[in-house]
Amino acid sequence: MTKNDPIFTSMGMFIIDENQYPASSKKEPVYNIIGGGGTYAIVGSRIIAGAEKSKLICGIIDKGSDFPDIVEEEILSWNSGIVWQEDPSRLTTRGLNIYDEDDIRHFQYKTDKKRIEAQDILNHPHLIRSRTIHIISSIERCESIIDTISSNVPNDVNPIFIYEPLPDICIASNYTKLISLLPKIDVFTPNLNEMSKFANLDKLPETMDDIKSLCLNFSPYLTKPNSGSVVRCGHLGCFIKTPKVEISLPAYHTNQSKVVDVTGGGNLFCGGFVTGLLLSKGDWIIGGICGNVASGCVIERLGMPQVSLGNSNEEWNDLSSIKRIEHYANINKHIVEGKFDITKVDWLT
């Protein structure tokens, strides 16, 4: 392990989105929105890593012949370690979000999708040294990715694997497959609905005790050192369950009037969480706070949070990451007091 090893690499996809709204909303369509679960996770990690470590936040973006300049400029503004894969023979992966009269989103691909494969990581020698790897996939594909990467990593690298299951594979009939995968996972992070479906629950848990009980269906199989589950609970925040930590952490925005668009919030959480976990040397509570802070940034506006240089620190949507973490700790002092030490977020100060 060296100081130049990537902190984070996402194997999720990059997508350019278009939003279409019902006629009754009188909203104009929005084009060239940066999206994709991998891209959101990269930004979540980037928010938490800070400016000095920005180039260590990685992922692969496939760039087709139609890649818009305005999209490339925004991605470059992150100053990250993005790896571009250019293919002028194909179009960039594009998606269409169609919102109906009930504000329910329906998604479809406008062009062929391009997944990131384990071989793509192997093709870039520095990425195989990544200290954390974010996977959004089916159970079988996740296991294949982990096996391929694990058999190719150098002896001095031991990556943390964070697994975000695809929503449509979260069904009770896949539970047996899942628990056979979990011993290879460091961080298992479904949302509450997805975890409930794996466990074949008829309704969502309503209390923290219920969520804790739900986690017990998975905890015995998370056997790697310092592994566990973090359940993403949307506007309720997250619930962390490891052998040493059980805690519910509220969302960053308790005032829903500040929430503009929740798209990508879960993916940003994953990137922010595992980056905070790594840089704090394995502190799950810091990971949870960082995940909630990162997620809170993206839901403040449509599209990705905007980065700028403030008076002394880099800012995302006009507020620095350390200020956001301090604010979160202050308003949740009754929960985190004695469990959270701001000095352990020293990479941002």
Protein backbone atom coordinates (compact mmCIF):
# COMPACT_ATOMS: atom_id res chain seq x y z
CA MET A 1 0.00 0.00 0.00
CA THR A 2 1.31 3.44 -0.95
CA LYS A 3 0.07 6.99 -0.42
CA ASN A 4 -0.75 7.20 -4.14
CA ASP A 5 -3.07 4.18 -4.16
CA PRO A 6 -6.65 5.10 -5.09
CA ILE A 7 -8.90 5.55 -2.08
CA PHE A 8 -12.05 4.63 -3.96
CA THR A 9 -13.04 3.06 -7.26
CA SER A 10 -16.65 2.55 -8.35
CA MET A 11 -17.62 -0.17 -10.79
CA GLY A 12 -21.01 1.40 -11.32
CA MET A 13 -22.15 2.90 -14.60
CA PHE A 14 -22.07 6.40 -16.02
CA ILE A 15 -25.30 7.60 -17.66
CA ILE A 16 -26.38 10.89 -19.19
CA ASP A 17 -30.00 11.42 -18.18
CA GLU A 18 -32.94 13.29 -19.65
CA ASN A 19 -35.98 14.15 -17.51
CA GLN A 20 -39.48 14.40 -19.00
CA TYR A 21 -42.35 15.74 -16.87
CA PRO A 22 -46.15 15.48 -17.26
CA ALA A 23 -47.89 18.27 -19.16
CA SER A 24 -49.78 19.32 -16.03
CA SER A 25 -46.51 20.22 -14.29
CA LYS A 26 -45.67 22.80 -16.97
CA LYS A 27 -42.02 21.85 -16.47
CA GLU A 28 -39.68 21.90 -19.43
CA PRO A 29 -37.62 18.76 -20.13
CA VAL A 30 -34.11 18.76 -18.68
CA TYR A 31 -31.25 17.35 -20.75
CA ASN A 32 -27.63 16.27 -20.19
CA ILE A 33 -28.01 15.46 -16.48
CA ILE A 34 -25.01 13.55 -15.18
CA GLY A 35 -26.22 10.29 -13.66
CA GLY A 36 -25.52 6.63 -13.12
CA GLY A 37 -24.98 4.86 -9.82
CA GLY A 38 -21.23 4.73 -10.27
CA THR A 39 -20.94 8.42 -11.02
CA TYR A 40 -23.03 9.41 -8.02
CA ALA A 41 -20.88 7.20 -5.78
CA ILE A 42 -17.70 8.80 -7.15
CA VAL A 43 -19.03 12.25 -6.25
CA GLY A 44 -20.02 11.02 -2.77
CA SER A 45 -16.50 9.78 -2.20
CA ARG A 46 -15.04 12.96 -3.67
CA ILE A 47 -17.07 15.16 -1.29
CA ILE A 48 -15.75 13.29 1.73
CA ALA A 49 -12.15 12.80 0.56
CA GLY A 50 -11.54 16.54 0.15
CA ALA A 51 -9.43 18.52 -2.30
CA GLU A 52 -6.01 17.16 -1.29
CA LYS A 53 -7.04 13.56 -1.99
CA SER A 54 -9.25 14.33 -4.98
CA LYS A 55 -7.10 12.53 -7.55
CA LEU A 56 -7.36 9.31 -5.52
CA ILE A 57 -11.12 9.06 -6.14
CA CYS A 58 -11.57 6.93 -9.22
CA GLY A 59 -13.98 5.30 -11.60
CA ILE A 60 -14.29 4.63 -15.30
CA ILE A 61 -16.43 6.77 -17.59
CA ASP A 62 -17.22 5.49 -21.06
CA LYS A 63 -17.17 8.32 -23.53
CA GLY A 64 -19.06 7.80 -26.78
CA SER A 65 -18.99 9.85 -29.95
CA ASP A 66 -21.81 12.12 -28.75
CA PHE A 67 -20.30 13.08 -25.38
CA PRO A 68 -21.38 16.69 -24.64
CA ASP A 69 -18.71 19.27 -23.83
CA ILE A 70 -20.85 20.69 -21.00
CA VAL A 71 -20.93 17.27 -19.30
CA GLU A 72 -17.19 16.79 -19.66
CA GLU A 73 -16.54 20.24 -18.19
CA GLU A 74 -18.62 19.45 -15.11
CA ILE A 75 -16.85 16.13 -14.57
CA LEU A 76 -13.45 17.81 -14.90
CA SER A 77 -14.50 20.36 -12.25
CA TRP A 78 -14.43 17.56 -9.66
CA ASN A 79 -10.64 17.23 -10.21
CA SER A 80 -10.92 13.51 -9.49
CA GLY A 81 -9.02 10.47 -10.71
CA ILE A 82 -11.63 9.58 -13.34
CA VAL A 83 -10.39 7.26 -16.08
CA TRP A 84 -11.86 7.97 -19.52
CA GLN A 85 -12.59 5.09 -21.90
CA GLU A 86 -13.22 6.58 -25.32
CA ASP A 87 -15.06 4.69 -28.05
CA PRO A 88 -16.04 6.83 -31.04
CA SER A 89 -17.80 3.83 -32.61
CA ARG A 90 -20.67 3.94 -30.11
CA LEU A 91 -22.97 6.40 -28.39
CA THR A 92 -22.63 7.33 -24.73
CA THR A 93 -25.01 5.48 -22.41
CA ARG A 94 -28.13 7.63 -22.06
CA GLY A 95 -31.25 7.21 -19.95
CA LEU A 96 -34.73 8.72 -19.95
CA ASN A 97 -36.63 9.46 -16.72
CA ILE A 98 -40.34 9.92 -17.38
CA TYR A 99 -42.34 11.29 -14.45
CA ASP A 100 -46.08 10.59 -14.45
CA GLU A 101 -48.92 12.61 -12.93
CA ASP A 102 -48.26 11.01 -9.52
CA ASP A 103 -44.57 12.01 -9.71
CA ILE A 104 -43.55 8.37 -10.08
CA ARG A 105 -40.38 7.96 -12.10
CA HIS A 106 -40.20 5.48 -14.97
CA PHE A 107 -36.75 4.78 -16.42
CA GLN A 108 -35.63 3.45 -19.78
CA TYR A 109 -32.37 3.40 -21.69
CA LYS A 110 -32.17 5.55 -24.82
CA THR A 111 -28.91 3.98 -26.00
CA ASP A 112 -27.15 0.69 -25.31
CA LYS A 113 -25.74 0.53 -21.80
CA LYS A 114 -22.06 -0.10 -21.13
CA ARG A 115 -21.20 -1.84 -17.88
CA ILE A 116 -17.86 -1.62 -16.13
CA GLU A 117 -16.27 -5.07 -15.97
CA ALA A 118 -13.54 -6.47 -13.74
CA GLN A 119 -11.28 -6.61 -16.79
CA ASP A 120 -11.64 -2.83 -17.15
CA ILE A 121 -10.08 -2.50 -13.69
CA LEU A 122 -7.28 -4.91 -14.60
CA ASN A 123 -6.57 -2.87 -17.73
CA HIS A 124 -5.58 0.07 -15.52
CA PRO A 125 -2.84 -1.13 -13.12
CA HIS A 126 -3.31 1.68 -10.61
CA LEU A 127 -7.04 0.86 -10.18
CA ILE A 128 -6.28 -2.70 -9.05
CA ARG A 129 -4.57 -1.07 -6.05
CA SER A 130 -7.75 0.73 -4.97
CA ARG A 131 -8.34 0.55 -1.23
CA THR A 132 -12.14 0.46 -1.54
CA ILE A 133 -14.25 -0.90 -4.40
CA HIS A 134 -17.93 -0.07 -4.90
CA ILE A 135 -20.05 -2.68 -6.69
CA ILE A 136 -23.66 -2.27 -7.90
CA SER A 137 -24.75 -5.51 -9.52
CA SER A 138 -26.51 -8.83 -9.28
CA ILE A 139 -25.32 -11.29 -6.65
CA GLU A 140 -23.60 -13.55 -9.18
CA ARG A 141 -21.83 -10.69 -10.93
CA CYS A 142 -20.69 -9.21 -7.61
CA GLU A 143 -19.11 -12.52 -6.63
CA SER A 144 -17.42 -12.83 -10.02
CA ILE A 145 -16.01 -9.29 -9.74
CA ILE A 146 -14.71 -9.89 -6.22
CA ASP A 147 -13.12 -13.21 -7.18
CA THR A 148 -11.43 -11.71 -10.25
CA ILE A 149 -10.11 -8.67 -8.43
CA SER A 150 -9.05 -10.62 -5.32
CA SER A 151 -7.02 -13.05 -7.44
CA ASN A 152 -5.21 -10.18 -9.16
CA VAL A 153 -4.53 -7.65 -6.40
CA PRO A 154 -0.92 -7.25 -5.21
CA ASN A 155 -0.05 -8.87 -1.90
CA ASP A 156 0.11 -5.51 -0.10
CA VAL A 157 -3.46 -4.53 -1.10
CA ASN A 158 -6.58 -5.68 0.75
CA PRO A 159 -9.54 -3.75 -0.68
CA ILE A 160 -12.76 -3.04 1.18
CA PHE A 161 -15.68 -4.25 -0.94
CA ILE A 162 -18.94 -2.32 -0.54
CA TYR A 163 -21.93 -4.01 -2.17
CA GLU A 164 -25.05 -2.14 -3.25
CA PRO A 165 -27.51 -4.72 -4.66
CA LEU A 166 -29.60 -3.92 -7.71
CA PRO A 167 -33.21 -3.31 -6.65
CA ASP A 168 -34.76 -5.97 -8.89
CA ILE A 169 -32.66 -8.81 -7.46
CA CYS A 170 -33.74 -8.07 -3.88
CA ILE A 171 -36.27 -10.88 -3.55
CA ALA A 172 -36.69 -13.68 -1.03
CA SER A 173 -35.76 -16.38 -3.56
CA ASN A 174 -32.28 -14.82 -3.81
CA TYR A 175 -31.65 -14.87 -0.06
CA THR A 176 -29.69 -18.14 -0.16
CA LYS A 177 -27.46 -16.83 -2.95
CA LEU A 178 -26.91 -13.60 -1.03
CA ILE A 179 -25.81 -15.21 2.23
CA SER A 180 -23.28 -17.30 0.32
CA LEU A 181 -21.82 -14.05 -1.05
CA LEU A 182 -21.76 -12.06 2.20
CA PRO A 183 -18.59 -13.68 3.63
CA LYS A 184 -16.71 -11.93 0.79
CA ILE A 185 -18.29 -8.52 1.50
CA ASP A 186 -17.04 -5.85 3.91
CA VAL A 187 -20.01 -3.47 3.71
CA PHE A 188 -23.47 -4.68 2.73
CA THR A 189 -25.68 -1.67 2.02
CA PRO A 190 -29.18 -2.22 0.68
CA ASN A 191 -31.91 0.28 1.35
CA LEU A 192 -34.61 -0.62 3.85
CA ASN A 193 -37.07 -1.79 1.21
CA GLU A 194 -34.46 -3.99 -0.47
CA MET A 195 -33.30 -5.61 2.77
CA SER A 196 -36.93 -6.26 3.75
CA LYS A 197 -37.60 -7.98 0.42
CA PHE A 198 -34.58 -10.27 0.83
CA ALA A 199 -36.01 -11.27 4.22
CA ASN A 200 -39.51 -11.79 2.73
CA LEU A 201 -41.20 -9.25 5.01
CA ASP A 202 -44.76 -8.24 4.16
CA LYS A 203 -44.24 -4.67 5.35
CA LEU A 204 -41.34 -2.37 6.13
CA PRO A 205 -39.95 -2.28 9.68
CA GLU A 206 -41.35 0.66 11.62
CA THR A 207 -38.98 0.92 14.59
CA MET A 208 -35.24 0.76 15.09
CA ASP A 209 -35.68 -2.48 17.02
CA ASP A 210 -37.47 -3.92 13.98
CA ILE A 211 -34.60 -2.84 11.70
CA LYS A 212 -32.07 -4.35 14.11
CA SER A 213 -33.99 -7.63 14.00
CA LEU A 214 -34.05 -7.46 10.21
CA CYS A 215 -30.26 -7.06 10.11
CA LEU A 216 -29.87 -10.27 12.10
CA ASN A 217 -30.93 -12.19 8.98
CA PHE A 218 -27.64 -11.11 7.39
CA SER A 219 -25.15 -10.33 10.19
CA PRO A 220 -24.02 -13.94 10.88
CA TYR A 221 -22.76 -14.22 7.30
CA LEU A 222 -20.72 -11.00 7.29
CA THR A 223 -17.63 -12.68 8.67
CA LYS A 224 -14.74 -10.55 7.36
CA PRO A 225 -12.93 -8.47 10.01
CA ASN A 226 -14.79 -5.20 10.73
CA SER A 227 -17.58 -6.06 8.28
CA GLY A 228 -21.25 -5.24 8.71
CA SER A 229 -24.45 -3.84 7.29
CA VAL A 230 -25.53 -0.24 6.81
CA VAL A 231 -29.19 0.08 5.89
CA ARG A 232 -30.03 3.18 3.88
CA CYS A 233 -33.34 4.52 5.16
CA GLY A 234 -33.93 7.57 2.95
CA HIS A 235 -35.24 10.57 4.86
CA LEU A 236 -34.71 8.64 8.12
CA GLY A 237 -30.95 8.36 7.58
CA CYS A 238 -29.22 5.03 8.11
CA PHE A 239 -28.93 2.13 10.54
CA ILE A 240 -25.52 0.55 11.16
CA LYS A 241 -25.13 -3.00 12.44
CA THR A 242 -21.73 -4.56 13.12
CA PRO A 243 -20.54 -6.82 15.96
CA LYS A 244 -19.40 -3.67 17.82
CA VAL A 245 -21.76 -0.93 16.58
CA GLU A 246 -25.54 -0.60 16.52
CA ILE A 247 -26.73 2.92 15.84
CA SER A 248 -29.36 4.85 13.94
CA LEU A 249 -28.06 8.08 12.40
CA PRO A 250 -30.61 10.66 11.17
CA ALA A 251 -30.48 12.06 7.66
CA TYR A 252 -28.54 15.28 7.06
CA HIS A 253 -31.67 17.22 6.08
CA THR A 254 -34.39 16.90 8.69
CA ASN A 255 -36.23 19.77 7.00
CA GLN A 256 -37.67 18.26 3.82
CA SER A 257 -38.28 21.71 2.33
CA LYS A 258 -34.55 21.75 1.50
CA VAL A 259 -34.87 18.56 -0.54
CA VAL A 260 -35.13 19.23 -4.29
CA ASP A 261 -34.43 15.85 -5.92
CA VAL A 262 -33.50 12.60 -4.17
CA THR A 263 -32.08 10.91 -7.28
CA GLY A 264 -28.65 9.44 -6.53
CA GLY A 265 -28.84 10.01 -2.79
CA GLY A 266 -28.29 6.34 -1.99
CA ASN A 267 -25.34 6.03 -4.36
CA LEU A 268 -23.68 9.15 -2.95
CA PHE A 269 -24.20 7.71 0.51
CA CYS A 270 -22.25 4.59 -0.47
CA GLY A 271 -19.29 6.56 -1.81
CA GLY A 272 -19.25 8.89 1.17
CA PHE A 273 -19.70 6.09 3.69
CA VAL A 274 -16.90 3.81 2.57
CA THR A 275 -14.51 6.75 2.11
CA GLY A 276 -15.20 7.96 5.65
CA LEU A 277 -14.85 4.40 6.93
CA LEU A 278 -11.46 3.98 5.28
CA LEU A 279 -9.97 7.38 6.11
CA SER A 280 -11.09 7.14 9.76
CA LYS A 281 -9.31 3.78 9.97
CA GLY A 282 -12.45 1.70 10.26
CA ASP A 283 -14.84 3.90 12.28
CA TRP A 284 -18.39 2.94 11.21
CA ILE A 285 -20.03 5.90 12.92
CA ILE A 286 -17.80 8.34 11.04
CA GLY A 287 -18.61 6.36 7.91
CA GLY A 288 -22.34 6.76 8.57
CA ILE A 289 -22.04 10.50 9.23
CA CYS A 290 -19.98 10.95 6.06
CA GLY A 291 -22.51 8.97 4.05
CA ASN A 292 -25.40 11.07 5.34
CA VAL A 293 -23.50 14.31 4.69
CA ALA A 294 -22.62 13.30 1.12
CA SER A 295 -26.18 12.20 0.41
CA GLY A 296 -27.48 15.47 1.83
CA CYS A 297 -25.46 17.42 -0.75
CA VAL A 298 -26.93 15.86 -3.87
CA ILE A 299 -30.58 16.12 -2.88
CA GLU A 300 -30.29 19.91 -2.54
CA ARG A 301 -30.52 20.38 -6.32
CA LEU A 302 -31.26 18.62 -9.59
CA GLY A 303 -28.13 16.91 -10.86
CA MET A 304 -24.75 16.74 -9.18
CA PRO A 305 -23.72 19.07 -6.33
CA GLN A 306 -21.59 21.96 -7.51
CA VAL A 307 -18.00 22.32 -6.32
CA SER A 308 -16.35 25.69 -5.81
CA LEU A 309 -13.43 27.20 -3.92
CA GLY A 310 -14.60 29.06 -0.82
CA ASN A 311 -12.61 31.39 1.43
CA SER A 312 -10.42 28.65 2.84
CA ASN A 313 -11.93 25.29 1.92
CA GLU A 314 -13.43 23.64 -1.10
CA GLU A 315 -17.24 23.90 -0.98
CA TRP A 316 -20.04 21.74 -2.32
CA ASN A 317 -23.25 23.67 -2.91
CA ASP A 318 -21.59 26.61 -1.09
CA LEU A 319 -20.68 24.75 2.11
CA SER A 320 -17.48 22.86 2.92
CA SER A 321 -17.58 19.19 3.82
CA ILE A 322 -16.03 19.76 7.25
CA LYS A 323 -18.62 22.46 8.02
CA ARG A 324 -21.36 20.02 7.04
CA ILE A 325 -19.91 17.32 9.28
CA GLU A 326 -19.58 19.76 12.20
CA HIS A 327 -23.17 20.93 11.66
CA TYR A 328 -24.41 17.34 11.57
CA ALA A 329 -22.56 16.45 14.78
CA ASN A 330 -23.92 19.54 16.56
CA ILE A 331 -27.59 19.00 15.71
CA ASN A 332 -27.30 15.31 16.58
CA LYS A 333 -25.18 15.76 19.70
CA HIS A 334 -27.64 13.70 21.76
CA ILE A 335 -26.94 10.73 19.48
CA VAL A 336 -23.24 10.98 18.65
CA GLU A 337 -21.81 12.52 21.83
CA GLY A 338 -19.13 10.22 23.19
CA LYS A 339 -19.24 8.16 19.99
CA PHE A 340 -17.90 10.66 17.45
CA ASP A 341 -14.56 12.47 17.54
CA ILE A 342 -14.20 15.29 15.00
CA THR A 343 -10.40 15.03 15.23
CA LYS A 344 -10.67 11.66 13.47
CA VAL A 345 -11.83 13.55 10.36
CA ASP A 346 -8.39 15.16 10.27
CA TRP A 347 -7.94 14.66 6.52
CA LEU A 348 -10.47 17.49 5.95
CA THR A 349 -8.99 19.95 8.46
